[in-house]
């Protein structure tokens, strides 16, 4: 694990809109079904990587404007 020893866990991006699209990506948080099921076992480094992917997916879907 690459997380710092006393670092708080990175919070889940879940927004309680849990529905998978045709690509098995949640329309609420933009995580894949696999990322959702693995989240609780991941260290903060892996969680941040997933959050970056979620951001990219949201931007590609036109869900984010700007930053």
PDB file of N, CA and C in Angstrom:
ATOM      1  N   UNK A   1       0.825  -1.180   0.000  1.00  0.00           N
ATOM      2  CA  UNK A   1       0.000   0.000   0.000  1.00  0.00           C
ATOM      3  C   UNK A   1       0.872   1.248   0.000  1.00  0.00           C
ATOM      4  N   UNK A   2       0.459   2.228  -0.785  1.00  0.00           N
ATOM      5  CA  UNK A   2       1.222   3.454  -0.887  1.00  0.00           C
ATOM      6  C   UNK A   2       0.641   4.588  -0.057  1.00  0.00           C
ATOM      7  N   UNK A   3      -0.436   4.351   0.671  1.00  0.00           N
ATOM      8  CA  UNK A   3      -1.052   5.394   1.475  1.00  0.00           C
ATOM      9  C   UNK A   3      -0.176   5.707   2.679  1.00  0.00           C
ATOM     10  N   UNK A   4      -0.292   6.942   3.141  1.00  0.00           N
ATOM     11  CA  UNK A   4       0.424   7.317   4.357  1.00  0.00           C
ATOM     12  C   UNK A   4      -0.213   6.599   5.536  1.00  0.00           C
ATOM     13  N   UNK A   5       0.582   6.240   6.557  1.00  0.00           N
ATOM     14  CA  UNK A   5       0.095   5.400   7.655  1.00  0.00           C
ATOM     15  C   UNK A   5      -1.163   5.899   8.366  1.00  0.00           C
ATOM     16  N   UNK A   6      -1.276   7.184   8.649  1.00  0.00           N
ATOM     17  CA  UNK A   6      -2.412   7.681   9.428  1.00  0.00           C
ATOM     18  C   UNK A   6      -3.359   8.522   8.578  1.00  0.00           C
ATOM     19  N   UNK A   7      -3.307   8.327   7.305  1.00  0.00           N
ATOM     20  CA  UNK A   7      -4.163   9.071   6.379  1.00  0.00           C
ATOM     21  C   UNK A   7      -5.583   8.507   6.430  1.00  0.00           C
ATOM     22  N   UNK A   8      -6.565   9.394   6.418  1.00  0.00           N
ATOM     23  CA  UNK A   8      -7.957   8.945   6.391  1.00  0.00           C
ATOM     24  C   UNK A   8      -8.269   8.349   5.024  1.00  0.00           C
ATOM     25  N   UNK A   9      -9.152   7.359   4.980  1.00  0.00           N
ATOM     26  CA  UNK A   9      -9.511   6.756   3.694  1.00  0.00           C
ATOM     27  C   UNK A   9     -10.170   7.772   2.762  1.00  0.00           C
ATOM     28  N   UNK A  10      -9.844   7.696   1.485  1.00  0.00           N
ATOM     29  CA  UNK A  10     -10.489   8.532   0.484  1.00  0.00           C
ATOM     30  C   UNK A  10     -11.952   8.097   0.404  1.00  0.00           C
ATOM     31  N   UNK A  11     -12.841   9.058   0.501  1.00  0.00           N
ATOM     32  CA  UNK A  11     -14.273   8.767   0.523  1.00  0.00           C
ATOM     33  C   UNK A  11     -14.773   8.266  -0.830  1.00  0.00           C
ATOM     34  N   UNK A  12     -15.775   7.448  -0.779  1.00  0.00           N
ATOM     35  CA  UNK A  12     -16.424   6.948  -1.981  1.00  0.00           C
ATOM     36  C   UNK A  12     -17.110   8.110  -2.711  1.00  0.00           C
ATOM     37  N   UNK A  13     -17.077   8.097  -4.041  1.00  0.00           N
ATOM     38  CA  UNK A  13     -17.757   9.142  -4.804  1.00  0.00           C
ATOM     39  C   UNK A  13     -19.251   8.876  -4.996  1.00  0.00           C
ATOM     40  N   UNK A  14     -19.774   7.852  -4.340  1.00  0.00           N
ATOM     41  CA  UNK A  14     -21.176   7.483  -4.501  1.00  0.00           C
ATOM     42  C   UNK A  14     -22.090   8.666  -4.174  1.00  0.00           C
ATOM     43  N   UNK A  15     -23.063   8.901  -5.052  1.00  0.00           N
ATOM     44  CA  UNK A  15     -24.040   9.969  -4.845  1.00  0.00           C
ATOM     45  C   UNK A  15     -25.458   9.391  -4.742  1.00  0.00           C
ATOM     46  N   UNK A  16     -25.545   8.107  -4.467  1.00  0.00           N
ATOM     47  CA  UNK A  16     -26.815   7.400  -4.289  1.00  0.00           C
ATOM     48  C   UNK A  16     -27.714   7.448  -5.520  1.00  0.00           C
ATOM     49  N   UNK A  17     -27.096   7.512  -6.686  1.00  0.00           N
ATOM     50  CA  UNK A  17     -27.801   7.353  -7.958  1.00  0.00           C
ATOM     51  C   UNK A  17     -27.151   6.128  -8.598  1.00  0.00           C
ATOM     52  N   UNK A  18     -27.583   4.966  -8.167  1.00  0.00           N
ATOM     53  CA  UNK A  18     -26.907   3.717  -8.517  1.00  0.00           C
ATOM     54  C   UNK A  18     -27.611   3.022  -9.674  1.00  0.00           C
ATOM     55  N   UNK A  19     -27.113   3.281 -10.878  1.00  0.00           N
ATOM     56  CA  UNK A  19     -27.653   2.649 -12.072  1.00  0.00           C
ATOM     57  C   UNK A  19     -26.514   2.483 -13.065  1.00  0.00           C
ATOM     58  N   UNK A  20     -26.339   1.265 -13.543  1.00  0.00           N
ATOM     59  CA  UNK A  20     -25.271   1.000 -14.502  1.00  0.00           C
ATOM     60  C   UNK A  20     -25.773   1.201 -15.924  1.00  0.00           C
ATOM     61  N   UNK A  21     -24.924   1.829 -16.754  1.00  0.00           N
ATOM     62  CA  UNK A  21     -25.285   2.013 -18.156  1.00  0.00           C
ATOM     63  C   UNK A  21     -24.858   0.785 -18.966  1.00  0.00           C
ATOM     64  N   UNK A  22     -24.910   0.892 -20.276  1.00  0.00           N
ATOM     65  CA  UNK A  22     -24.594  -0.246 -21.151  1.00  0.00           C
ATOM     66  C   UNK A  22     -23.147  -0.708 -21.024  1.00  0.00           C
ATOM     67  N   UNK A  23     -22.257   0.184 -20.568  1.00  0.00           N
ATOM     68  CA  UNK A  23     -20.843  -0.175 -20.396  1.00  0.00           C
ATOM     69  C   UNK A  23     -20.522  -0.574 -18.953  1.00  0.00           C
ATOM     70  N   UNK A  24     -21.545  -0.831 -18.138  1.00  0.00           N
ATOM     71  CA  UNK A  24     -21.371  -1.160 -16.720  1.00  0.00           C
ATOM     72  C   UNK A  24     -20.688  -0.035 -15.947  1.00  0.00           C
ATOM     73  N   UNK A  25     -21.016   1.212 -16.297  1.00  0.00           N
ATOM     74  CA  UNK A  25     -20.521   2.375 -15.569  1.00  0.00           C
ATOM     75  C   UNK A  25     -21.706   3.020 -14.865  1.00  0.00           C
ATOM     76  N   UNK A  26     -21.529   3.304 -13.585  1.00  0.00           N
ATOM     77  CA  UNK A  26     -22.601   3.909 -12.802  1.00  0.00           C
ATOM     78  C   UNK A  26     -22.875   5.320 -13.310  1.00  0.00           C
ATOM     79  N   UNK A  27     -24.142   5.622 -13.555  1.00  0.00           N
ATOM     80  CA  UNK A  27     -24.508   6.945 -14.053  1.00  0.00           C
ATOM     81  C   UNK A  27     -24.387   8.015 -12.966  1.00  0.00           C
ATOM     82  N   UNK A  28     -24.305   7.594 -11.716  1.00  0.00           N
ATOM     83  CA  UNK A  28     -24.151   8.554 -10.621  1.00  0.00           C
ATOM     84  C   UNK A  28     -22.708   8.925 -10.340  1.00  0.00           C
ATOM     85  N   UNK A  29     -21.870   7.937 -10.080  1.00  0.00           N
ATOM     86  CA  UNK A  29     -20.490   8.220  -9.668  1.00  0.00           C
ATOM     87  C   UNK A  29     -19.450   7.998 -10.766  1.00  0.00           C
ATOM     88  N   UNK A  30     -19.856   7.399 -11.870  1.00  0.00           N
ATOM     89  CA  UNK A  30     -18.980   7.146 -13.014  1.00  0.00           C
ATOM     90  C   UNK A  30     -17.925   6.058 -12.763  1.00  0.00           C
ATOM     91  N   UNK A  31     -18.140   5.236 -11.729  1.00  0.00           N
ATOM     92  CA  UNK A  31     -17.245   4.087 -11.527  1.00  0.00           C
ATOM     93  C   UNK A  31     -17.798   2.885 -12.268  1.00  0.00           C
ATOM     94  N   UNK A  32     -16.892   1.986 -12.658  1.00  0.00           N
ATOM     95  CA  UNK A  32     -17.336   0.729 -13.252  1.00  0.00           C
ATOM     96  C   UNK A  32     -17.856  -0.174 -12.142  1.00  0.00           C
ATOM     97  N   UNK A  33     -18.594  -1.199 -12.532  1.00  0.00           N
ATOM     98  CA  UNK A  33     -19.102  -2.159 -11.546  1.00  0.00           C
ATOM     99  C   UNK A  33     -17.947  -2.784 -10.769  1.00  0.00           C
ATOM    100  N   UNK A  34     -16.855  -3.094 -11.438  1.00  0.00           N
ATOM    101  CA  UNK A  34     -15.684  -3.676 -10.773  1.00  0.00           C
ATOM    102  C   UNK A  34     -15.074  -2.694  -9.781  1.00  0.00           C
ATOM    103  N   UNK A  35     -14.948  -1.430 -10.174  1.00  0.00           N
ATOM    104  CA  UNK A  35     -14.378  -0.422  -9.267  1.00  0.00           C
ATOM    105  C   UNK A  35     -15.251  -0.255  -8.030  1.00  0.00           C
ATOM    106  N   UNK A  36     -16.553  -0.314  -8.205  1.00  0.00           N
ATOM    107  CA  UNK A  36     -17.472  -0.182  -7.078  1.00  0.00           C
ATOM    108  C   UNK A  36     -17.287  -1.339  -6.102  1.00  0.00           C
ATOM    109  N   UNK A  37     -17.226  -2.549  -6.620  1.00  0.00           N
ATOM    110  CA  UNK A  37     -17.119  -3.715  -5.730  1.00  0.00           C
ATOM    111  C   UNK A  37     -15.753  -3.811  -5.068  1.00  0.00           C
ATOM    112  N   UNK A  38     -14.707  -3.285  -5.685  1.00  0.00           N
ATOM    113  CA  UNK A  38     -13.362  -3.363  -5.109  1.00  0.00           C
ATOM    114  C   UNK A  38     -13.036  -2.198  -4.178  1.00  0.00           C
ATOM    115  N   UNK A  39     -13.826  -1.136  -4.203  1.00  0.00           N
ATOM    116  CA  UNK A  39     -13.506   0.101  -3.499  1.00  0.00           C
ATOM    117  C   UNK A  39     -13.084  -0.123  -2.044  1.00  0.00           C
ATOM    118  N   UNK A  40     -13.815  -0.899  -1.305  1.00  0.00           N
ATOM    119  CA  UNK A  40     -13.534  -1.102   0.118  1.00  0.00           C
ATOM    120  C   UNK A  40     -12.207  -1.771   0.406  1.00  0.00           C
ATOM    121  N   UNK A  41     -11.637  -2.434  -0.576  1.00  0.00           N
ATOM    122  CA  UNK A  41     -10.354  -3.133  -0.391  1.00  0.00           C
ATOM    123  C   UNK A  41      -9.167  -2.368  -0.956  1.00  0.00           C
ATOM    124  N   UNK A  42      -9.413  -1.205  -1.551  1.00  0.00           N
ATOM    125  CA  UNK A  42      -8.342  -0.458  -2.205  1.00  0.00           C
ATOM    126  C   UNK A  42      -7.673   0.526  -1.259  1.00  0.00           C
ATOM    127  N   UNK A  43      -6.370   0.774  -1.486  1.00  0.00           N
ATOM    128  CA  UNK A  43      -5.699   1.810  -0.723  1.00  0.00           C
ATOM    129  C   UNK A  43      -6.011   3.170  -1.339  1.00  0.00           C
ATOM    130  N   UNK A  44      -5.589   4.228  -0.678  1.00  0.00           N
ATOM    131  CA  UNK A  44      -5.924   5.576  -1.136  1.00  0.00           C
ATOM    132  C   UNK A  44      -5.317   5.902  -2.495  1.00  0.00           C
ATOM    133  N   UNK A  45      -4.161   5.369  -2.799  1.00  0.00           N
ATOM    134  CA  UNK A  45      -3.546   5.616  -4.098  1.00  0.00           C
ATOM    135  C   UNK A  45      -4.437   5.091  -5.212  1.00  0.00           C
ATOM    136  N   UNK A  46      -4.902   3.859  -5.068  1.00  0.00           N
ATOM    137  CA  UNK A  46      -5.783   3.259  -6.070  1.00  0.00           C
ATOM    138  C   UNK A  46      -7.118   4.002  -6.127  1.00  0.00           C
ATOM    139  N   UNK A  47      -7.627   4.426  -4.981  1.00  0.00           N
ATOM    140  CA  UNK A  47      -8.888   5.171  -4.954  1.00  0.00           C
ATOM    141  C   UNK A  47      -8.757   6.493  -5.715  1.00  0.00           C
ATOM    142  N   UNK A  48      -7.630   7.173  -5.521  1.00  0.00           N
ATOM    143  CA  UNK A  48      -7.420   8.438  -6.240  1.00  0.00           C
ATOM    144  C   UNK A  48      -7.311   8.203  -7.747  1.00  0.00           C
ATOM    145  N   UNK A  49      -6.703   7.106  -8.130  1.00  0.00           N
ATOM    146  CA  UNK A  49      -6.615   6.777  -9.559  1.00  0.00           C
ATOM    147  C   UNK A  49      -8.011   6.566 -10.143  1.00  0.00           C
ATOM    148  N   UNK A  50      -8.868   5.881  -9.401  1.00  0.00           N
ATOM    149  CA  UNK A  50     -10.241   5.653  -9.854  1.00  0.00           C
ATOM    150  C   UNK A  50     -10.999   6.977  -9.924  1.00  0.00           C
ATOM    151  N   UNK A  51     -10.807   7.838  -8.932  1.00  0.00           N
ATOM    152  CA  UNK A  51     -11.481   9.132  -8.959  1.00  0.00           C
ATOM    153  C   UNK A  51     -11.073   9.937 -10.194  1.00  0.00           C
ATOM    154  N   UNK A  52      -9.805   9.853 -10.571  1.00  0.00           N
ATOM    155  CA  UNK A  52      -9.345  10.545 -11.779  1.00  0.00           C
ATOM    156  C   UNK A  52     -10.040   9.974 -13.019  1.00  0.00           C
ATOM    157  N   UNK A  53     -10.190   8.662 -13.066  1.00  0.00           N
ATOM    158  CA  UNK A  53     -10.901   8.030 -14.182  1.00  0.00           C
ATOM    159  C   UNK A  53     -12.371   8.459 -14.202  1.00  0.00           C
ATOM    160  N   UNK A  54     -12.983   8.544 -13.032  1.00  0.00           N
ATOM    161  CA  UNK A  54     -14.376   8.983 -12.942  1.00  0.00           C
ATOM    162  C   UNK A  54     -14.516  10.397 -13.491  1.00  0.00           C
ATOM    163  N   UNK A  55     -13.567  11.241 -13.161  1.00  0.00           N
ATOM    164  CA  UNK A  55     -13.579  12.622 -13.642  1.00  0.00           C
ATOM    165  C   UNK A  55     -13.481  12.651 -15.168  1.00  0.00           C
ATOM    166  N   UNK A  56     -12.584  11.847 -15.710  1.00  0.00           N
ATOM    167  CA  UNK A  56     -12.437  11.767 -17.166  1.00  0.00           C
ATOM    168  C   UNK A  56     -13.716  11.251 -17.827  1.00  0.00           C
ATOM    169  N   UNK A  57     -14.326  10.238 -17.219  1.00  0.00           N
ATOM    170  CA  UNK A  57     -15.569   9.686 -17.777  1.00  0.00           C
ATOM    171  C   UNK A  57     -16.684  10.720 -17.746  1.00  0.00           C
ATOM    172  N   UNK A  58     -16.788  11.446 -16.629  1.00  0.00           N
ATOM    173  CA  UNK A  58     -17.826  12.469 -16.504  1.00  0.00           C
ATOM    174  C   UNK A  58     -17.613  13.560 -17.541  1.00  0.00           C
ATOM    175  N   UNK A  59     -16.371  13.961 -17.752  1.00  0.00           N
ATOM    176  CA  UNK A  59     -16.076  14.984 -18.758  1.00  0.00           C
ATOM    177  C   UNK A  59     -16.443  14.469 -20.150  1.00  0.00           C
ATOM    178  N   UNK A  60     -16.091  13.222 -20.453  1.00  0.00           N
ATOM    179  CA  UNK A  60     -16.390  12.640 -21.767  1.00  0.00           C
ATOM    180  C   UNK A  60     -17.898  12.559 -22.007  1.00  0.00           C
ATOM    181  N   UNK A  61     -18.672  12.388 -20.951  1.00  0.00           N
ATOM    182  CA  UNK A  61     -20.128  12.303 -21.054  1.00  0.00           C
ATOM    183  C   UNK A  61     -20.783  13.687 -21.083  1.00  0.00           C
ATOM    184  N   UNK A  62     -19.963  14.735 -20.942  1.00  0.00           N
ATOM    185  CA  UNK A  62     -20.505  16.094 -20.926  1.00  0.00           C
ATOM    186  C   UNK A  62     -21.143  16.471 -19.614  1.00  0.00           C
ATOM    187  N   UNK A  63     -20.771  15.750 -18.545  1.00  0.00           N
ATOM    188  CA  UNK A  63     -21.359  16.012 -17.232  1.00  0.00           C
ATOM    189  C   UNK A  63     -20.616  17.096 -16.469  1.00  0.00           C
ATOM    190  N   UNK A  64     -19.415  17.423 -16.915  1.00  0.00           N
ATOM    191  CA  UNK A  64     -18.609  18.467 -16.261  1.00  0.00           C
ATOM    192  C   UNK A  64     -18.375  19.605 -17.228  1.00  0.00           C
ATOM    193  N   UNK A  65     -18.409  20.783 -16.689  1.00  0.00           N
ATOM    194  CA  UNK A  65     -18.123  21.969 -17.476  1.00  0.00           C
ATOM    195  C   UNK A  65     -16.881  22.608 -16.872  1.00  0.00           C
ATOM    196  N   UNK A  66     -15.910  22.920 -17.698  1.00  0.00           N
ATOM    197  CA  UNK A  66     -14.687  23.543 -17.203  1.00  0.00           C
ATOM    198  C   UNK A  66     -13.782  22.536 -16.519  1.00  0.00           C
ATOM    199  N   UNK A  67     -13.155  22.970 -15.359  1.00  0.00           N
ATOM    200  CA  UNK A  67     -12.175  22.236 -14.601  1.00  0.00           C
ATOM    201  C   UNK A  67     -12.409  20.801 -14.523  1.00  0.00           C
TER     202      UNK A  67
END
